[in-house]
Amino acid sequence: ESQIVVAANNITLTHTASALGRPIIDASGLGSTEIISLAPNS
């Protein structure tokens, strides 16, 4: 994933994976500590 920009208000990011194996967002190779950012006025 590159930087994920949320542009609309009240977007919900959720998962339906099992409790034992949740999805992982790994941004360690992007050179940034913030993979998800919010657009202005959101």
PDB file of all heavy atoms in Angstrom:
ATOM      1  N   GLU A   1       0.831  -1.198   0.000  1.00  0.00           N
ATOM      2  CA  GLU A   1       0.000   0.000   0.000  1.00  0.00           C
ATOM      3  C   GLU A   1       0.872   1.257   0.000  1.00  0.00           C
ATOM      4  O   GLU A   1       1.857   1.332   0.720  1.00  0.00           O
ATOM      5  CB  GLU A   1      -0.889   0.034   1.246  1.00  0.00           C
ATOM      6  CG  GLU A   1      -1.840  -1.122   1.371  1.00  0.00           C
ATOM      7  CD  GLU A   1      -3.032  -1.041   0.448  1.00  0.00           C
ATOM      8  OE1 GLU A   1      -3.337   0.039  -0.085  1.00  0.00           O
ATOM      9  OE2 GLU A   1      -3.670  -2.091   0.251  1.00  0.00           O
ATOM     10  N   SER A   2       0.484   2.214  -0.806  1.00  0.00           N
ATOM     11  CA  SER A   2       1.100   3.535  -0.691  1.00  0.00           C
ATOM     12  C   SER A   2       0.262   4.308   0.323  1.00  0.00           C
ATOM     13  O   SER A   2      -0.614   3.741   0.968  1.00  0.00           O
ATOM     14  CB  SER A   2       1.118   4.233  -2.041  1.00  0.00           C
ATOM     15  OG  SER A   2      -0.191   4.363  -2.551  1.00  0.00           O
ATOM     16  N   GLN A   3       0.484   5.581   0.458  1.00  0.00           N
ATOM     17  CA  GLN A   3      -0.285   6.337   1.435  1.00  0.00           C
ATOM     18  C   GLN A   3      -1.767   6.286   1.068  1.00  0.00           C
ATOM     19  O   GLN A   3      -2.140   6.491  -0.080  1.00  0.00           O
ATOM     20  CB  GLN A   3       0.182   7.786   1.505  1.00  0.00           C
ATOM     21  CG  GLN A   3      -0.482   8.546   2.635  1.00  0.00           C
ATOM     22  CD  GLN A   3       0.042   9.952   2.758  1.00  0.00           C
ATOM     23  OE1 GLN A   3       0.367  10.579   1.766  1.00  0.00           O
ATOM     24  NE2 GLN A   3       0.117  10.442   3.964  1.00  0.00           N
ATOM     25  N   ILE A   4      -2.595   6.003   2.030  1.00  0.00           N
ATOM     26  CA  ILE A   4      -4.037   5.914   1.833  1.00  0.00           C
ATOM     27  C   ILE A   4      -4.650   7.229   2.280  1.00  0.00           C
ATOM     28  O   ILE A   4      -4.534   7.608   3.441  1.00  0.00           O
ATOM     29  CB  ILE A   4      -4.616   4.735   2.643  1.00  0.00           C
ATOM     30  CG1 ILE A   4      -3.989   3.420   2.177  1.00  0.00           C
ATOM     31  CG2 ILE A   4      -6.132   4.699   2.524  1.00  0.00           C
ATOM     32  CD1 ILE A   4      -4.296   2.247   3.081  1.00  0.00           C
ATOM     33  N   VAL A   5      -5.293   7.934   1.361  1.00  0.00           N
ATOM     34  CA  VAL A   5      -5.889   9.235   1.672  1.00  0.00           C
ATOM     35  C   VAL A   5      -7.405   9.088   1.727  1.00  0.00           C
ATOM     36  O   VAL A   5      -8.034   8.676   0.753  1.00  0.00           O
ATOM     37  CB  VAL A   5      -5.496  10.297   0.635  1.00  0.00           C
ATOM     38  CG1 VAL A   5      -6.171  11.624   0.948  1.00  0.00           C
ATOM     39  CG2 VAL A   5      -3.987  10.456   0.582  1.00  0.00           C
ATOM     40  N   VAL A   6      -7.979   9.414   2.882  1.00  0.00           N
ATOM     41  CA  VAL A   6      -9.425   9.356   3.066  1.00  0.00           C
ATOM     42  C   VAL A   6      -9.981  10.742   2.782  1.00  0.00           C
ATOM     43  O   VAL A   6      -9.696  11.692   3.502  1.00  0.00           O
ATOM     44  CB  VAL A   6      -9.770   8.910   4.508  1.00  0.00           C
ATOM     45  CG1 VAL A   6     -11.273   8.860   4.697  1.00  0.00           C
ATOM     46  CG2 VAL A   6      -9.123   7.571   4.816  1.00  0.00           C
ATOM     47  N   ALA A   7     -10.778  10.852   1.710  1.00  0.00           N
ATOM     48  CA  ALA A   7     -11.258  12.164   1.279  1.00  0.00           C
ATOM     49  C   ALA A   7     -12.678  12.472   1.729  1.00  0.00           C
ATOM     50  O   ALA A   7     -13.047  13.629   1.848  1.00  0.00           O
ATOM     51  CB  ALA A   7     -11.175  12.273  -0.241  1.00  0.00           C
ATOM     52  N   ALA A   8     -13.498  11.462   1.973  1.00  0.00           N
ATOM     53  CA  ALA A   8     -14.885  11.689   2.382  1.00  0.00           C
ATOM     54  C   ALA A   8     -15.005  11.567   3.899  1.00  0.00           C
ATOM     55  O   ALA A   8     -14.159  10.980   4.559  1.00  0.00           O
ATOM     56  CB  ALA A   8     -15.810  10.688   1.694  1.00  0.00           C
ATOM     57  N   ASN A   9     -16.057  12.131   4.450  1.00  0.00           N
ATOM     58  CA  ASN A   9     -16.292  12.055   5.889  1.00  0.00           C
ATOM     59  C   ASN A   9     -16.877  10.711   6.281  1.00  0.00           C
ATOM     60  O   ASN A   9     -17.626  10.104   5.526  1.00  0.00           O
ATOM     61  CB  ASN A   9     -17.266  13.147   6.329  1.00  0.00           C
ATOM     62  CG  ASN A   9     -16.634  14.513   6.268  1.00  0.00           C
ATOM     63  OD1 ASN A   9     -15.467  14.676   6.574  1.00  0.00           O
ATOM     64  ND2 ASN A   9     -17.407  15.500   5.862  1.00  0.00           N
ATOM     65  N   ASN A  10     -16.546  10.276   7.485  1.00  0.00           N
ATOM     66  CA  ASN A  10     -17.170   9.113   8.103  1.00  0.00           C
ATOM     67  C   ASN A  10     -16.988   7.815   7.322  1.00  0.00           C
ATOM     68  O   ASN A  10     -17.870   6.965   7.307  1.00  0.00           O
ATOM     69  CB  ASN A  10     -18.656   9.368   8.351  1.00  0.00           C
ATOM     70  CG  ASN A  10     -18.877  10.548   9.267  1.00  0.00           C
ATOM     71  OD1 ASN A  10     -18.206  10.686  10.278  1.00  0.00           O
ATOM     72  ND2 ASN A  10     -19.801  11.421   8.905  1.00  0.00           N
ATOM     73  N   ILE A  11     -15.852   7.638   6.654  1.00  0.00           N
ATOM     74  CA  ILE A  11     -15.542   6.371   6.014  1.00  0.00           C
ATOM     75  C   ILE A  11     -15.153   5.382   7.114  1.00  0.00           C
ATOM     76  O   ILE A  11     -14.321   5.695   7.973  1.00  0.00           O
ATOM     77  CB  ILE A  11     -14.376   6.515   5.009  1.00  0.00           C
ATOM     78  CG1 ILE A  11     -14.728   7.490   3.902  1.00  0.00           C
ATOM     79  CG2 ILE A  11     -13.967   5.157   4.441  1.00  0.00           C
ATOM     80  CD1 ILE A  11     -15.853   7.068   3.013  1.00  0.00           C
ATOM     81  N   THR A  12     -15.732   4.208   7.089  1.00  0.00           N
ATOM     82  CA  THR A  12     -15.407   3.178   8.072  1.00  0.00           C
ATOM     83  C   THR A  12     -14.517   2.137   7.418  1.00  0.00           C
ATOM     84  O   THR A  12     -14.857   1.606   6.368  1.00  0.00           O
ATOM     85  CB  THR A  12     -16.693   2.507   8.601  1.00  0.00           C
ATOM     86  OG1 THR A  12     -17.505   3.496   9.224  1.00  0.00           O
ATOM     87  CG2 THR A  12     -16.364   1.403   9.598  1.00  0.00           C
ATOM     88  N   LEU A  13     -13.397   1.842   8.033  1.00  0.00           N
ATOM     89  CA  LEU A  13     -12.482   0.788   7.593  1.00  0.00           C
ATOM     90  C   LEU A  13     -12.616  -0.347   8.600  1.00  0.00           C
ATOM     91  O   LEU A  13     -12.345  -0.165   9.784  1.00  0.00           O
ATOM     92  CB  LEU A  13     -11.048   1.309   7.538  1.00  0.00           C
ATOM     93  CG  LEU A  13      -9.970   0.345   7.104  1.00  0.00           C
ATOM     94  CD1 LEU A  13     -10.211  -0.142   5.682  1.00  0.00           C
ATOM     95  CD2 LEU A  13      -8.603   1.005   7.207  1.00  0.00           C
ATOM     96  N   THR A  14     -13.065  -1.509   8.132  1.00  0.00           N
ATOM     97  CA  THR A  14     -13.337  -2.626   9.028  1.00  0.00           C
ATOM     98  C   THR A  14     -12.859  -3.925   8.398  1.00  0.00           C
ATOM     99  O   THR A  14     -12.371  -3.928   7.279  1.00  0.00           O
ATOM    100  CB  THR A  14     -14.849  -2.700   9.359  1.00  0.00           C
ATOM    101  OG1 THR A  14     -15.071  -3.666  10.382  1.00  0.00           O
ATOM    102  CG2 THR A  14     -15.676  -3.013   8.132  1.00  0.00           C
ATOM    103  N   HIS A  15     -12.973  -5.023   9.135  1.00  0.00           N
ATOM    104  CA  HIS A  15     -12.586  -6.317   8.593  1.00  0.00           C
ATOM    105  C   HIS A  15     -13.548  -7.395   9.074  1.00  0.00           C
ATOM    106  O   HIS A  15     -14.203  -7.249  10.102  1.00  0.00           O
ATOM    107  CB  HIS A  15     -11.154  -6.685   8.981  1.00  0.00           C
ATOM    108  CG  HIS A  15     -11.022  -7.084  10.418  1.00  0.00           C
ATOM    109  ND1 HIS A  15     -11.203  -8.375  10.842  1.00  0.00           N
ATOM    110  CD2 HIS A  15     -10.761  -6.361  11.522  1.00  0.00           C
ATOM    111  CE1 HIS A  15     -11.038  -8.428  12.147  1.00  0.00           C
ATOM    112  NE2 HIS A  15     -10.771  -7.221  12.592  1.00  0.00           N
ATOM    113  N   THR A  16     -13.613  -8.484   8.315  1.00  0.00           N
ATOM    114  CA  THR A  16     -14.419  -9.634   8.705  1.00  0.00           C
ATOM    115  C   THR A  16     -13.552 -10.873   8.841  1.00  0.00           C
ATOM    116  O   THR A  16     -14.053 -11.983   8.844  1.00  0.00           O
ATOM    117  CB  THR A  16     -15.556  -9.891   7.693  1.00  0.00           C
ATOM    118  OG1 THR A  16     -14.991 -10.013   6.390  1.00  0.00           O
ATOM    119  CG2 THR A  16     -16.565  -8.768   7.714  1.00  0.00           C
ATOM    120  N   ALA A  17     -12.254 -10.682   8.937  1.00  0.00           N
ATOM    121  CA  ALA A  17     -11.340 -11.806   9.149  1.00  0.00           C
ATOM    122  C   ALA A  17     -11.543 -12.352  10.561  1.00  0.00           C
ATOM    123  O   ALA A  17     -12.118 -11.689  11.414  1.00  0.00           O
ATOM    124  CB  ALA A  17      -9.896 -11.354   8.954  1.00  0.00           C
ATOM    125  N   SER A  18     -11.057 -13.548  10.796  1.00  0.00           N
ATOM    126  CA  SER A  18     -11.243 -14.167  12.115  1.00  0.00           C
ATOM    127  C   SER A  18     -10.435 -13.427  13.181  1.00  0.00           C
ATOM    128  O   SER A  18      -9.482 -12.718  12.877  1.00  0.00           O
ATOM    129  CB  SER A  18     -10.810 -15.632  12.080  1.00  0.00           C
ATOM    130  OG  SER A  18      -9.400 -15.718  12.020  1.00  0.00           O
ATOM    131  N   ALA A  19     -10.806 -13.637  14.421  1.00  0.00           N
ATOM    132  CA  ALA A  19     -10.115 -12.987  15.536  1.00  0.00           C
ATOM    133  C   ALA A  19      -8.670 -13.463  15.651  1.00  0.00           C
ATOM    134  O   ALA A  19      -7.832 -12.788  16.238  1.00  0.00           O
ATOM    135  CB  ALA A  19     -10.862 -13.246  16.834  1.00  0.00           C
ATOM    136  N   LEU A  20      -8.362 -14.616  15.118  1.00  0.00           N
ATOM    137  CA  LEU A  20      -7.006 -15.158  15.218  1.00  0.00           C
ATOM    138  C   LEU A  20      -6.090 -14.670  14.096  1.00  0.00           C
ATOM    139  O   LEU A  20      -4.875 -14.787  14.210  1.00  0.00           O
ATOM    140  CB  LEU A  20      -7.053 -16.695  15.195  1.00  0.00           C
ATOM    141  CG  LEU A  20      -7.817 -17.329  16.345  1.00  0.00           C
ATOM    142  CD1 LEU A  20      -7.882 -18.840  16.151  1.00  0.00           C
ATOM    143  CD2 LEU A  20      -7.185 -16.981  17.678  1.00  0.00           C
ATOM    144  N   GLY A  21      -6.644 -14.158  13.035  1.00  0.00           N
ATOM    145  CA  GLY A  21      -5.834 -13.761  11.900  1.00  0.00           C
ATOM    146  C   GLY A  21      -6.308 -12.480  11.256  1.00  0.00           C
ATOM    147  O   GLY A  21      -6.784 -12.490  10.134  1.00  0.00           O
ATOM    148  N   ARG A  22      -6.221 -11.411  11.946  1.00  0.00           N
ATOM    149  CA  ARG A  22      -6.679 -10.132  11.418  1.00  0.00           C
ATOM    150  C   ARG A  22      -5.729  -9.619  10.338  1.00  0.00           C
ATOM    151  O   ARG A  22      -4.536  -9.919  10.352  1.00  0.00           O
ATOM    152  CB  ARG A  22      -6.778  -9.121  12.550  1.00  0.00           C
ATOM    153  CG  ARG A  22      -7.852  -9.514  13.527  1.00  0.00           C
ATOM    154  CD  ARG A  22      -8.076  -8.431  14.555  1.00  0.00           C
ATOM    155  NE  ARG A  22      -9.217  -8.795  15.364  1.00  0.00           N
ATOM    156  CZ  ARG A  22      -9.199  -8.855  16.673  1.00  0.00           C
ATOM    157  NH1 ARG A  22      -8.111  -8.570  17.328  1.00  0.00           N
ATOM    158  NH2 ARG A  22     -10.274  -9.189  17.331  1.00  0.00           N
ATOM    159  N   PRO A  23      -6.247  -8.816   9.397  1.00  0.00           N
ATOM    160  CA  PRO A  23      -5.371  -8.233   8.376  1.00  0.00           C
ATOM    161  C   PRO A  23      -4.380  -7.262   9.009  1.00  0.00           C
ATOM    162  O   PRO A  23      -4.660  -6.648  10.033  1.00  0.00           O
ATOM    163  CB  PRO A  23      -6.332  -7.505   7.441  1.00  0.00           C
ATOM    164  CG  PRO A  23      -7.594  -7.350   8.196  1.00  0.00           C
ATOM    165  CD  PRO A  23      -7.635  -8.414   9.237  1.00  0.00           C
ATOM    166  N   ILE A  24      -3.218  -7.121   8.372  1.00  0.00           N
ATOM    167  CA  ILE A  24      -2.161  -6.239   8.857  1.00  0.00           C
ATOM    168  C   ILE A  24      -1.830  -5.242   7.765  1.00  0.00           C
ATOM    169  O   ILE A  24      -1.628  -5.626   6.608  1.00  0.00           O
ATOM    170  CB  ILE A  24      -0.896  -7.047   9.211  1.00  0.00           C
ATOM    171  CG1 ILE A  24      -1.197  -8.046  10.341  1.00  0.00           C
ATOM    172  CG2 ILE A  24       0.262  -6.121   9.578  1.00  0.00           C
ATOM    173  CD1 ILE A  24      -0.112  -9.077  10.547  1.00  0.00           C
ATOM    174  N   ILE A  25      -1.763  -3.959   8.117  1.00  0.00           N
ATOM    175  CA  ILE A  25      -1.292  -2.926   7.198  1.00  0.00           C
ATOM    176  C   ILE A  25       0.135  -2.611   7.614  1.00  0.00           C
ATOM    177  O   ILE A  25       0.377  -2.064   8.678  1.00  0.00           O
ATOM    178  CB  ILE A  25      -2.169  -1.662   7.251  1.00  0.00           C
ATOM    179  CG1 ILE A  25      -3.620  -2.011   6.920  1.00  0.00           C
ATOM    180  CG2 ILE A  25      -1.638  -0.616   6.279  1.00  0.00           C
ATOM    181  CD1 ILE A  25      -4.582  -0.865   7.128  1.00  0.00           C
ATOM    182  N   ASP A  26       1.099  -2.985   6.768  1.00  0.00           N
ATOM    183  CA  ASP A  26       2.519  -2.823   7.075  1.00  0.00           C
ATOM    184  C   ASP A  26       3.100  -1.696   6.228  1.00  0.00           C
ATOM    185  O   ASP A  26       3.297  -1.849   5.040  1.00  0.00           O
ATOM    186  CB  ASP A  26       3.257  -4.134   6.796  1.00  0.00           C
ATOM    187  CG  ASP A  26       4.738  -4.058   7.091  1.00  0.00           C
ATOM    188  OD1 ASP A  26       5.216  -2.998   7.538  1.00  0.00           O
ATOM    189  OD2 ASP A  26       5.423  -5.068   6.872  1.00  0.00           O
ATOM    190  N   ALA A  27       3.371  -0.574   6.868  1.00  0.00           N
ATOM    191  CA  ALA A  27       3.917   0.583   6.163  1.00  0.00           C
ATOM    192  C   ALA A  27       5.405   0.752   6.412  1.00  0.00           C
ATOM    193  O   ALA A  27       5.963   1.798   6.101  1.00  0.00           O
ATOM    194  CB  ALA A  27       3.182   1.844   6.602  1.00  0.00           C
ATOM    195  N   SER A  28       6.064  -0.265   6.926  1.00  0.00           N
ATOM    196  CA  SER A  28       7.463  -0.123   7.334  1.00  0.00           C
ATOM    197  C   SER A  28       8.406   0.190   6.181  1.00  0.00           C
ATOM    198  O   SER A  28       9.433   0.821   6.374  1.00  0.00           O
ATOM    199  CB  SER A  28       7.927  -1.388   8.058  1.00  0.00           C
ATOM    200  OG  SER A  28       7.872  -2.510   7.197  1.00  0.00           O
ATOM    201  N   GLY A  29       8.078  -0.229   4.979  1.00  0.00           N
ATOM    202  CA  GLY A  29       8.962   0.023   3.852  1.00  0.00           C
ATOM    203  C   GLY A  29       8.678   1.307   3.106  1.00  0.00           C
ATOM    204  O   GLY A  29       9.300   1.605   2.088  1.00  0.00           O
ATOM    205  N   LEU A  30       7.735   2.105   3.584  1.00  0.00           N
ATOM    206  CA  LEU A  30       7.337   3.315   2.868  1.00  0.00           C
ATOM    207  C   LEU A  30       8.114   4.554   3.288  1.00  0.00           C
ATOM    208  O   LEU A  30       7.947   5.610   2.694  1.00  0.00           O
ATOM    209  CB  LEU A  30       5.837   3.572   3.065  1.00  0.00           C
ATOM    210  CG  LEU A  30       4.912   2.492   2.502  1.00  0.00           C
ATOM    211  CD1 LEU A  30       3.469   2.818   2.836  1.00  0.00           C
ATOM    212  CD2 LEU A  30       5.086   2.364   1.002  1.00  0.00           C
ATOM    213  N   GLY A  31       8.920   4.454   4.328  1.00  0.00           N
ATOM    214  CA  GLY A  31       9.673   5.608   4.783  1.00  0.00           C
ATOM    215  C   GLY A  31       8.810   6.647   5.483  1.00  0.00           C
ATOM    216  O   GLY A  31       9.166   7.805   5.585  1.00  0.00           O
ATOM    217  N   SER A  32       7.649   6.243   5.943  1.00  0.00           N
ATOM    218  CA  SER A  32       6.731   7.154   6.603  1.00  0.00           C
ATOM    219  C   SER A  32       6.140   6.441   7.808  1.00  0.00           C
ATOM    220  O   SER A  32       5.979   5.230   7.809  1.00  0.00           O
ATOM    221  CB  SER A  32       5.607   7.562   5.648  1.00  0.00           C
ATOM    222  OG  SER A  32       4.627   8.310   6.329  1.00  0.00           O
ATOM    223  N   THR A  33       5.803   7.183   8.821  1.00  0.00           N
ATOM    224  CA  THR A  33       5.177   6.581   9.989  1.00  0.00           C
ATOM    225  C   THR A  33       3.665   6.628   9.898  1.00  0.00           C
ATOM    226  O   THR A  33       2.980   6.068  10.730  1.00  0.00           O
ATOM    227  CB  THR A  33       5.625   7.314  11.272  1.00  0.00           C
ATOM    228  OG1 THR A  33       5.268   8.691  11.160  1.00  0.00           O
ATOM    229  CG2 THR A  33       7.105   7.158  11.497  1.00  0.00           C
ATOM    230  N   GLU A  34       3.132   7.311   8.902  1.00  0.00           N
ATOM    231  CA  GLU A  34       1.684   7.447   8.776  1.00  0.00           C
ATOM    232  C   GLU A  34       1.253   6.968   7.400  1.00  0.00           C
ATOM    233  O   GLU A  34       1.527   7.610   6.393  1.00  0.00           O
ATOM    234  CB  GLU A  34       1.264   8.899   8.989  1.00  0.00           C
ATOM    235  CG  GLU A  34      -0.223   9.098   8.919  1.00  0.00           C
ATOM    236  CD  GLU A  34      -0.617  10.529   9.219  1.00  0.00           C
ATOM    237  OE1 GLU A  34       0.002  11.446   8.679  1.00  0.00           O
ATOM    238  OE2 GLU A  34      -1.569  10.710   9.980  1.00  0.00           O
ATOM    239  N   ILE A  35       0.593   5.814   7.357  1.00  0.00           N
ATOM    240  CA  ILE A  35       0.130   5.299   6.078  1.00  0.00           C
ATOM    241  C   ILE A  35      -1.245   5.847   5.714  1.00  0.00           C
ATOM    242  O   ILE A  35      -1.570   6.020   4.561  1.00  0.00           O
ATOM    243  CB  ILE A  35       0.111   3.758   6.056  1.00  0.00           C
ATOM    244  CG1 ILE A  35      -0.184   3.260   4.640  1.00  0.00           C
ATOM    245  CG2 ILE A  35      -0.853   3.178   7.052  1.00  0.00           C
ATOM    246  CD1 ILE A  35      -0.002   1.790   4.439  1.00  0.00           C
ATOM    247  N   ILE A  36      -2.070   6.152   6.704  1.00  0.00           N
ATOM    248  CA  ILE A  36      -3.410   6.657   6.435  1.00  0.00           C
ATOM    249  C   ILE A  36      -3.471   8.112   6.853  1.00  0.00           C
ATOM    250  O   ILE A  36      -3.140   8.471   7.972  1.00  0.00           O
ATOM    251  CB  ILE A  36      -4.473   5.843   7.204  1.00  0.00           C
ATOM    252  CG1 ILE A  36      -4.427   4.364   6.768  1.00  0.00           C
ATOM    253  CG2 ILE A  36      -5.868   6.416   6.970  1.00  0.00           C
ATOM    254  CD1 ILE A  36      -5.324   3.453   7.555  1.00  0.00           C
ATOM    255  N   SER A  37      -3.884   8.972   5.925  1.00  0.00           N
ATOM    256  CA  SER A  37      -4.036  10.386   6.256  1.00  0.00           C
ATOM    257  C   SER A  37      -5.425  10.850   5.875  1.00  0.00           C
ATOM    258  O   SER A  37      -6.096  10.238   5.058  1.00  0.00           O
ATOM    259  CB  SER A  37      -2.983  11.225   5.537  1.00  0.00           C
ATOM    260  OG  SER A  37      -3.195  11.182   4.146  1.00  0.00           O
ATOM    261  N   LEU A  38      -5.845  11.914   6.496  1.00  0.00           N
ATOM    262  CA  LEU A  38      -7.172  12.464   6.257  1.00  0.00           C
ATOM    263  C   LEU A  38      -7.052  13.736   5.440  1.00  0.00           C
ATOM    264  O   LEU A  38      -6.222  14.583   5.722  1.00  0.00           O
ATOM    265  CB  LEU A  38      -7.864  12.755   7.591  1.00  0.00           C
ATOM    266  CG  LEU A  38      -7.989  11.554   8.530  1.00  0.00           C
ATOM    267  CD1 LEU A  38      -8.523  11.996   9.878  1.00  0.00           C
ATOM    268  CD2 LEU A  38      -8.884  10.502   7.918  1.00  0.00           C
ATOM    269  N   ALA A  39      -7.892  13.856   4.441  1.00  0.00           N
ATOM    270  CA  ALA A  39      -7.893  15.052   3.600  1.00  0.00           C
ATOM    271  C   ALA A  39      -8.435  16.228   4.415  1.00  0.00           C
ATOM    272  O   ALA A  39      -9.128  16.043   5.410  1.00  0.00           O
ATOM    273  CB  ALA A  39      -8.741  14.810   2.363  1.00  0.00           C
ATOM    274  N   PRO A  40      -8.120  17.455   4.008  1.00  0.00           N
ATOM    275  CA  PRO A  40      -8.635  18.626   4.711  1.00  0.00           C
ATOM    276  C   PRO A  40     -10.154  18.596   4.823  1.00  0.00           C
ATOM    277  O   PRO A  40     -10.840  18.106   3.918  1.00  0.00           O
ATOM    278  CB  PRO A  40      -8.173  19.798   3.842  1.00  0.00           C
ATOM    279  CG  PRO A  40      -7.008  19.268   3.083  1.00  0.00           C
ATOM    280  CD  PRO A  40      -7.288  17.812   2.866  1.00  0.00           C
ATOM    281  N   ASN A  41     -10.674  19.109   5.918  1.00  0.00           N
ATOM    282  CA  ASN A  41     -12.108  19.210   6.185  1.00  0.00           C
ATOM    283  C   ASN A  41     -12.780  17.868   6.392  1.00  0.00           C
ATOM    284  O   ASN A  41     -13.993  17.769   6.318  1.00  0.00           O
ATOM    285  CB  ASN A  41     -12.830  19.989   5.067  1.00  0.00           C
ATOM    286  CG  ASN A  41     -12.278  21.382   4.923  1.00  0.00           C
ATOM    287  OD1 ASN A  41     -12.018  22.055   5.906  1.00  0.00           O
ATOM    288  ND2 ASN A  41     -12.081  21.805   3.707  1.00  0.00           N
ATOM    289  N   SER A  42     -12.027  16.825   6.636  1.00  0.00           N
ATOM    290  CA  SER A  42     -12.655  15.531   6.892  1.00  0.00           C
ATOM    291  C   SER A  42     -12.614  15.226   8.379  1.00  0.00           C
ATOM    292  O   SER A  42     -11.995  15.936   9.156  1.00  0.00           O
ATOM    293  CB  SER A  42     -11.946  14.430   6.090  1.00  0.00           C
ATOM    294  OG  SER A  42     -10.622  14.297   6.529  1.00  0.00           O
TER     295      SER A  42
END
